[in-house]
Amino acid sequence: MLSINTNLSSLIAQQSLSSSTTKLNQAIERMSTGFKINHAKDNAANYSISQDLSIKISSYDIAADNVAMGMDLVTTASDIISNMQDKASRLQALSTQARNGTYGEQSMSAINSEVAAIMAEINRLYSTAEYNNVSLFNREAYTIADHLPKAGKSGFIDE
């Protein structure tokens, strides 16, 4: 007669050890990543929702970066306009100074030279002002809407 000698207690202990090790590894993975759901097998529905929210959060982060870049552009333009206003104030002061009638021909020539230099600087600022190779004071019509991708109902592209 054929007989197979097995140790049933050992087999049960090995199965329990294997199960405990798997659960311990899963708990360590959750603790190390900080996420309750690390794989679709953990909870498929919530994993799908989590991935969708992660994608949306990433797009919001990109939108925030875009807003920051837009603010940088506006700040750059504002600084240039402020510089131009300072120069315009100097022009006003020179104009008032020239009208007082006490300056001779040489002084008036010096005032006119300074006025010409200031006007040249204002024109230079106006024509060369750029942010990331985009002209800030460009006179041609430009609409942002023509350059944006089409968005869906919730504002996300390709929903």
C-alpha atoms as a PDB file:
ATOM      1  CA  MET A   1       0.000   0.000   0.000  1.00  0.00           C
ATOM      2  CA  LEU A   2       1.182   3.517  -0.934  1.00  0.00           C
ATOM      3  CA  SER A   3       1.207   6.213   1.716  1.00  0.00           C
ATOM      4  CA  ILE A   4       2.155   9.910   1.617  1.00  0.00           C
ATOM      5  CA  ASN A   5       3.583  11.296   4.781  1.00  0.00           C
ATOM      6  CA  THR A   6       2.577  14.933   5.263  1.00  0.00           C
ATOM      7  CA  ASN A   7       2.752  17.221   8.149  1.00  0.00           C
ATOM      8  CA  LEU A   8      -0.641  18.918   8.085  1.00  0.00           C
ATOM      9  CA  SER A   9       0.281  21.306  10.899  1.00  0.00           C
ATOM     10  CA  SER A  10       3.348  22.491   8.960  1.00  0.00           C
ATOM     11  CA  LEU A  11       1.307  23.103   5.801  1.00  0.00           C
ATOM     12  CA  ILE A  12      -1.240  25.179   7.726  1.00  0.00           C
ATOM     13  CA  ALA A  13       1.528  27.179   9.418  1.00  0.00           C
ATOM     14  CA  GLN A  14       3.235  27.855   6.052  1.00  0.00           C
ATOM     15  CA  GLN A  15      -0.044  29.044   4.501  1.00  0.00           C
ATOM     16  CA  SER A  16      -0.690  31.353   7.459  1.00  0.00           C
ATOM     17  CA  LEU A  17       2.874  32.713   7.268  1.00  0.00           C
ATOM     18  CA  SER A  18       2.516  33.403   3.544  1.00  0.00           C
ATOM     19  CA  SER A  19      -0.792  35.224   4.062  1.00  0.00           C
ATOM     20  CA  SER A  20       0.605  37.257   6.955  1.00  0.00           C
ATOM     21  CA  THR A  21       3.700  38.197   4.919  1.00  0.00           C
ATOM     22  CA  THR A  22       1.547  39.388   2.009  1.00  0.00           C
ATOM     23  CA  LYS A  23      -0.614  41.525   4.313  1.00  0.00           C
ATOM     24  CA  LEU A  24       2.465  42.900   6.095  1.00  0.00           C
ATOM     25  CA  ASN A  25       4.053  43.872   2.773  1.00  0.00           C
ATOM     26  CA  GLN A  26       0.814  45.613   1.741  1.00  0.00           C
ATOM     27  CA  ALA A  27       0.671  47.504   5.054  1.00  0.00           C
ATOM     28  CA  ILE A  28       4.314  48.572   4.710  1.00  0.00           C
ATOM     29  CA  GLU A  29       3.675  49.749   1.151  1.00  0.00           C
ATOM     30  CA  ARG A  30       0.689  51.825   2.260  1.00  0.00           C
ATOM     31  CA  MET A  31       2.658  53.328   5.138  1.00  0.00           C
ATOM     32  CA  SER A  32       5.694  54.138   3.001  1.00  0.00           C
ATOM     33  CA  THR A  33       3.714  55.811   0.209  1.00  0.00           C
ATOM     34  CA  GLY A  34       1.101  57.432   2.415  1.00  0.00           C
ATOM     35  CA  PHE A  35      -1.682  56.221   0.130  1.00  0.00           C
ATOM     36  CA  LYS A  36      -4.404  53.795   1.071  1.00  0.00           C
ATOM     37  CA  ILE A  37      -4.797  52.749  -2.576  1.00  0.00           C
ATOM     38  CA  ASN A  38      -1.556  51.976  -4.408  1.00  0.00           C
ATOM     39  CA  HIS A  39      -2.819  49.560  -7.029  1.00  0.00           C
ATOM     40  CA  ALA A  40      -6.073  48.933  -8.837  1.00  0.00           C
ATOM     41  CA  LYS A  41      -6.334  45.606  -6.991  1.00  0.00           C
ATOM     42  CA  ASP A  42      -6.612  47.465  -3.663  1.00  0.00           C
ATOM     43  CA  ASN A  43      -9.926  49.074  -4.642  1.00  0.00           C
ATOM     44  CA  ALA A  44     -10.588  49.376  -8.371  1.00  0.00           C
ATOM     45  CA  ALA A  45     -13.364  51.975  -8.235  1.00  0.00           C
ATOM     46  CA  ASN A  46     -11.586  54.265  -5.805  1.00  0.00           C
ATOM     47  CA  TYR A  47      -8.308  53.794  -7.685  1.00  0.00           C
ATOM     48  CA  SER A  48      -9.980  55.042 -10.854  1.00  0.00           C
ATOM     49  CA  ILE A  49     -11.432  58.040  -9.028  1.00  0.00           C
ATOM     50  CA  SER A  50      -8.064  58.721  -7.398  1.00  0.00           C
ATOM     51  CA  GLN A  51      -6.270  58.660 -10.758  1.00  0.00           C
ATOM     52  CA  ASP A  52      -8.861  61.009 -12.281  1.00  0.00           C
ATOM     53  CA  LEU A  53      -8.463  63.462  -9.405  1.00  0.00           C
ATOM     54  CA  SER A  54      -4.669  63.242  -9.625  1.00  0.00           C
ATOM     55  CA  ILE A  55      -4.836  64.165 -13.304  1.00  0.00           C
ATOM     56  CA  LYS A  56      -7.132  67.096 -12.577  1.00  0.00           C
ATOM     57  CA  ILE A  57      -4.866  68.310  -9.762  1.00  0.00           C
ATOM     58  CA  SER A  58      -1.897  68.142 -12.143  1.00  0.00           C
ATOM     59  CA  SER A  59      -3.792  70.261 -14.653  1.00  0.00           C
ATOM     60  CA  TYR A  60      -4.618  72.770 -11.912  1.00  0.00           C
ATOM     61  CA  ASP A  61      -0.921  72.922 -11.018  1.00  0.00           C
ATOM     62  CA  ILE A  62      -0.106  73.696 -14.649  1.00  0.00           C
ATOM     63  CA  ALA A  63      -2.858  76.331 -14.706  1.00  0.00           C
ATOM     64  CA  ALA A  64      -1.340  77.909 -11.582  1.00  0.00           C
ATOM     65  CA  ASP A  65       2.065  77.969 -13.286  1.00  0.00           C
ATOM     66  CA  ASN A  66       0.478  79.610 -16.330  1.00  0.00           C
ATOM     67  CA  VAL A  67      -1.140  82.257 -14.132  1.00  0.00           C
ATOM     68  CA  ALA A  68       2.210  82.912 -12.435  1.00  0.00           C
ATOM     69  CA  MET A  69       3.869  83.359 -15.823  1.00  0.00           C
ATOM     70  CA  GLY A  70       1.053  85.710 -16.869  1.00  0.00           C
ATOM     71  CA  MET A  71       1.572  87.715 -13.712  1.00  0.00           C
ATOM     72  CA  ASP A  72       5.297  87.904 -14.472  1.00  0.00           C
ATOM     73  CA  LEU A  73       4.469  89.213 -17.942  1.00  0.00           C
ATOM     74  CA  VAL A  74       2.131  91.860 -16.504  1.00  0.00           C
ATOM     75  CA  THR A  75       4.713  92.832 -13.882  1.00  0.00           C
ATOM     76  CA  THR A  76       7.373  93.225 -16.568  1.00  0.00           C
ATOM     77  CA  ALA A  77       5.049  95.389 -18.672  1.00  0.00           C
ATOM     78  CA  SER A  78       4.075  97.414 -15.606  1.00  0.00           C
ATOM     79  CA  ASP A  79       7.722  98.053 -14.723  1.00  0.00           C
ATOM     80  CA  ILE A  80       8.441  99.224 -18.257  1.00  0.00           C
ATOM     81  CA  ILE A  81       5.379 101.499 -18.241  1.00  0.00           C
ATOM     82  CA  SER A  82       6.473 102.894 -14.868  1.00  0.00           C
ATOM     83  CA  ASN A  83       9.900 103.628 -16.338  1.00  0.00           C
ATOM     84  CA  MET A  84       8.252 105.376 -19.291  1.00  0.00           C
ATOM     85  CA  GLN A  85       6.082 107.419 -16.879  1.00  0.00           C
ATOM     86  CA  ASP A  86       9.192 108.531 -14.991  1.00  0.00           C
ATOM     87  CA  LYS A  87      10.708 109.693 -18.249  1.00  0.00           C
ATOM     88  CA  ALA A  88       7.464 111.485 -19.192  1.00  0.00           C
ATOM     89  CA  SER A  89       7.569 113.278 -15.822  1.00  0.00           C
ATOM     90  CA  ARG A  90      11.090 114.424 -16.607  1.00  0.00           C
ATOM     91  CA  LEU A  91       9.839 115.685 -19.989  1.00  0.00           C
ATOM     92  CA  GLN A  92       7.153 117.681 -18.210  1.00  0.00           C
ATOM     93  CA  ALA A  93       9.735 119.168 -15.838  1.00  0.00           C
ATOM     94  CA  LEU A  94      11.990 120.115 -18.771  1.00  0.00           C
ATOM     95  CA  SER A  95       9.039 121.680 -20.579  1.00  0.00           C
ATOM     96  CA  THR A  96       8.168 123.788 -17.549  1.00  0.00           C
ATOM     97  CA  GLN A  97      11.824 124.706 -17.114  1.00  0.00           C
ATOM     98  CA  ALA A  98      12.159 125.765 -20.773  1.00  0.00           C
ATOM     99  CA  ARG A  99       9.048 128.002 -20.584  1.00  0.00           C
ATOM    100  CA  ASN A 100      10.297 130.183 -17.751  1.00  0.00           C
ATOM    101  CA  GLY A 101      12.062 132.487 -20.239  1.00  0.00           C
ATOM    102  CA  THR A 102      15.365 132.848 -18.388  1.00  0.00           C
ATOM    103  CA  TYR A 103      17.461 130.393 -20.390  1.00  0.00           C
ATOM    104  CA  GLY A 104      19.785 131.372 -23.192  1.00  0.00           C
ATOM    105  CA  GLU A 105      20.354 129.622 -26.488  1.00  0.00           C
ATOM    106  CA  GLN A 106      22.965 127.208 -25.103  1.00  0.00           C
ATOM    107  CA  SER A 107      20.735 126.162 -22.195  1.00  0.00           C
ATOM    108  CA  MET A 108      17.755 125.669 -24.500  1.00  0.00           C
ATOM    109  CA  SER A 109      19.933 123.544 -26.788  1.00  0.00           C
ATOM    110  CA  ALA A 110      20.949 121.391 -23.804  1.00  0.00           C
ATOM    111  CA  ILE A 111      17.292 121.040 -22.751  1.00  0.00           C
ATOM    112  CA  ASN A 112      16.327 120.052 -26.312  1.00  0.00           C
ATOM    113  CA  SER A 113      19.150 117.483 -26.401  1.00  0.00           C
ATOM    114  CA  GLU A 114      17.926 115.950 -23.159  1.00  0.00           C
ATOM    115  CA  VAL A 115      14.334 115.921 -24.448  1.00  0.00           C
ATOM    116  CA  ALA A 116      15.465 114.174 -27.645  1.00  0.00           C
ATOM    117  CA  ALA A 117      17.418 111.575 -25.617  1.00  0.00           C
ATOM    118  CA  ILE A 118      14.438 110.918 -23.344  1.00  0.00           C
ATOM    119  CA  MET A 119      12.065 110.571 -26.310  1.00  0.00           C
ATOM    120  CA  ALA A 120      14.502 108.153 -27.979  1.00  0.00           C
ATOM    121  CA  GLU A 121      14.630 106.098 -24.768  1.00  0.00           C
ATOM    122  CA  ILE A 122      10.817 106.027 -24.463  1.00  0.00           C
ATOM    123  CA  ASN A 123      10.552 104.886 -28.100  1.00  0.00           C
ATOM    124  CA  ARG A 124      13.247 102.249 -27.513  1.00  0.00           C
ATOM    125  CA  LEU A 125      11.442 100.900 -24.459  1.00  0.00           C
ATOM    126  CA  TYR A 126       8.172 100.799 -26.378  1.00  0.00           C
ATOM    127  CA  SER A 127       9.556  99.008 -29.418  1.00  0.00           C
ATOM    128  CA  THR A 128      11.860  96.513 -27.666  1.00  0.00           C
ATOM    129  CA  ALA A 129       9.810  95.524 -24.601  1.00  0.00           C
ATOM    130  CA  GLU A 130       9.521  91.718 -24.596  1.00  0.00           C
ATOM    131  CA  TYR A 131       8.690  88.840 -22.281  1.00  0.00           C
ATOM    132  CA  ASN A 132       9.835  85.395 -23.451  1.00  0.00           C
ATOM    133  CA  ASN A 133      10.232  86.742 -26.988  1.00  0.00           C
ATOM    134  CA  VAL A 134       6.665  88.118 -26.983  1.00  0.00           C
ATOM    135  CA  SER A 135       6.439  91.808 -27.781  1.00  0.00           C
ATOM    136  CA  LEU A 136       4.609  93.548 -24.935  1.00  0.00           C
ATOM    137  CA  PHE A 137       3.483  96.629 -26.827  1.00  0.00           C
ATOM    138  CA  ASN A 138       2.815  95.110 -30.225  1.00  0.00           C
ATOM    139  CA  ARG A 139       0.261  97.058 -32.250  1.00  0.00           C
ATOM    140  CA  GLU A 140      -1.145  94.144 -34.253  1.00  0.00           C
ATOM    141  CA  ALA A 141      -4.382  92.547 -33.129  1.00  0.00           C
ATOM    142  CA  TYR A 142      -3.829  89.513 -30.912  1.00  0.00           C
ATOM    143  CA  THR A 143      -6.484  87.453 -29.199  1.00  0.00           C
ATOM    144  CA  ILE A 144      -5.619  84.800 -26.671  1.00  0.00           C
ATOM    145  CA  ALA A 145      -8.739  82.783 -27.521  1.00  0.00           C
ATOM    146  CA  ASP A 146      -7.310  82.007 -30.982  1.00  0.00           C
ATOM    147  CA  HIS A 147      -4.329  80.292 -29.381  1.00  0.00           C
ATOM    148  CA  LEU A 148      -6.025  78.220 -26.679  1.00  0.00           C
ATOM    149  CA  PRO A 149      -6.993  74.551 -27.089  1.00  0.00           C
ATOM    150  CA  LYS A 150     -10.698  73.832 -27.032  1.00  0.00           C
ATOM    151  CA  ALA A 151     -11.997  72.854 -23.583  1.00  0.00           C
ATOM    152  CA  GLY A 152     -14.928  70.680 -22.570  1.00  0.00           C
ATOM    153  CA  LYS A 153     -17.875  71.574 -20.341  1.00  0.00           C
ATOM    154  CA  SER A 154     -15.914  71.426 -17.084  1.00  0.00           C
ATOM    155  CA  GLY A 155     -12.979  73.368 -18.504  1.00  0.00           C
ATOM    156  CA  PHE A 156     -10.760  70.337 -19.044  1.00  0.00           C
ATOM    157  CA  ILE A 157      -9.354  69.486 -22.430  1.00  0.00           C
ATOM    158  CA  ASP A 158     -10.419  66.110 -23.868  1.00  0.00           C
ATOM    159  CA  GLU A 159     -12.711  65.052 -21.066  1.00  0.00           C
END
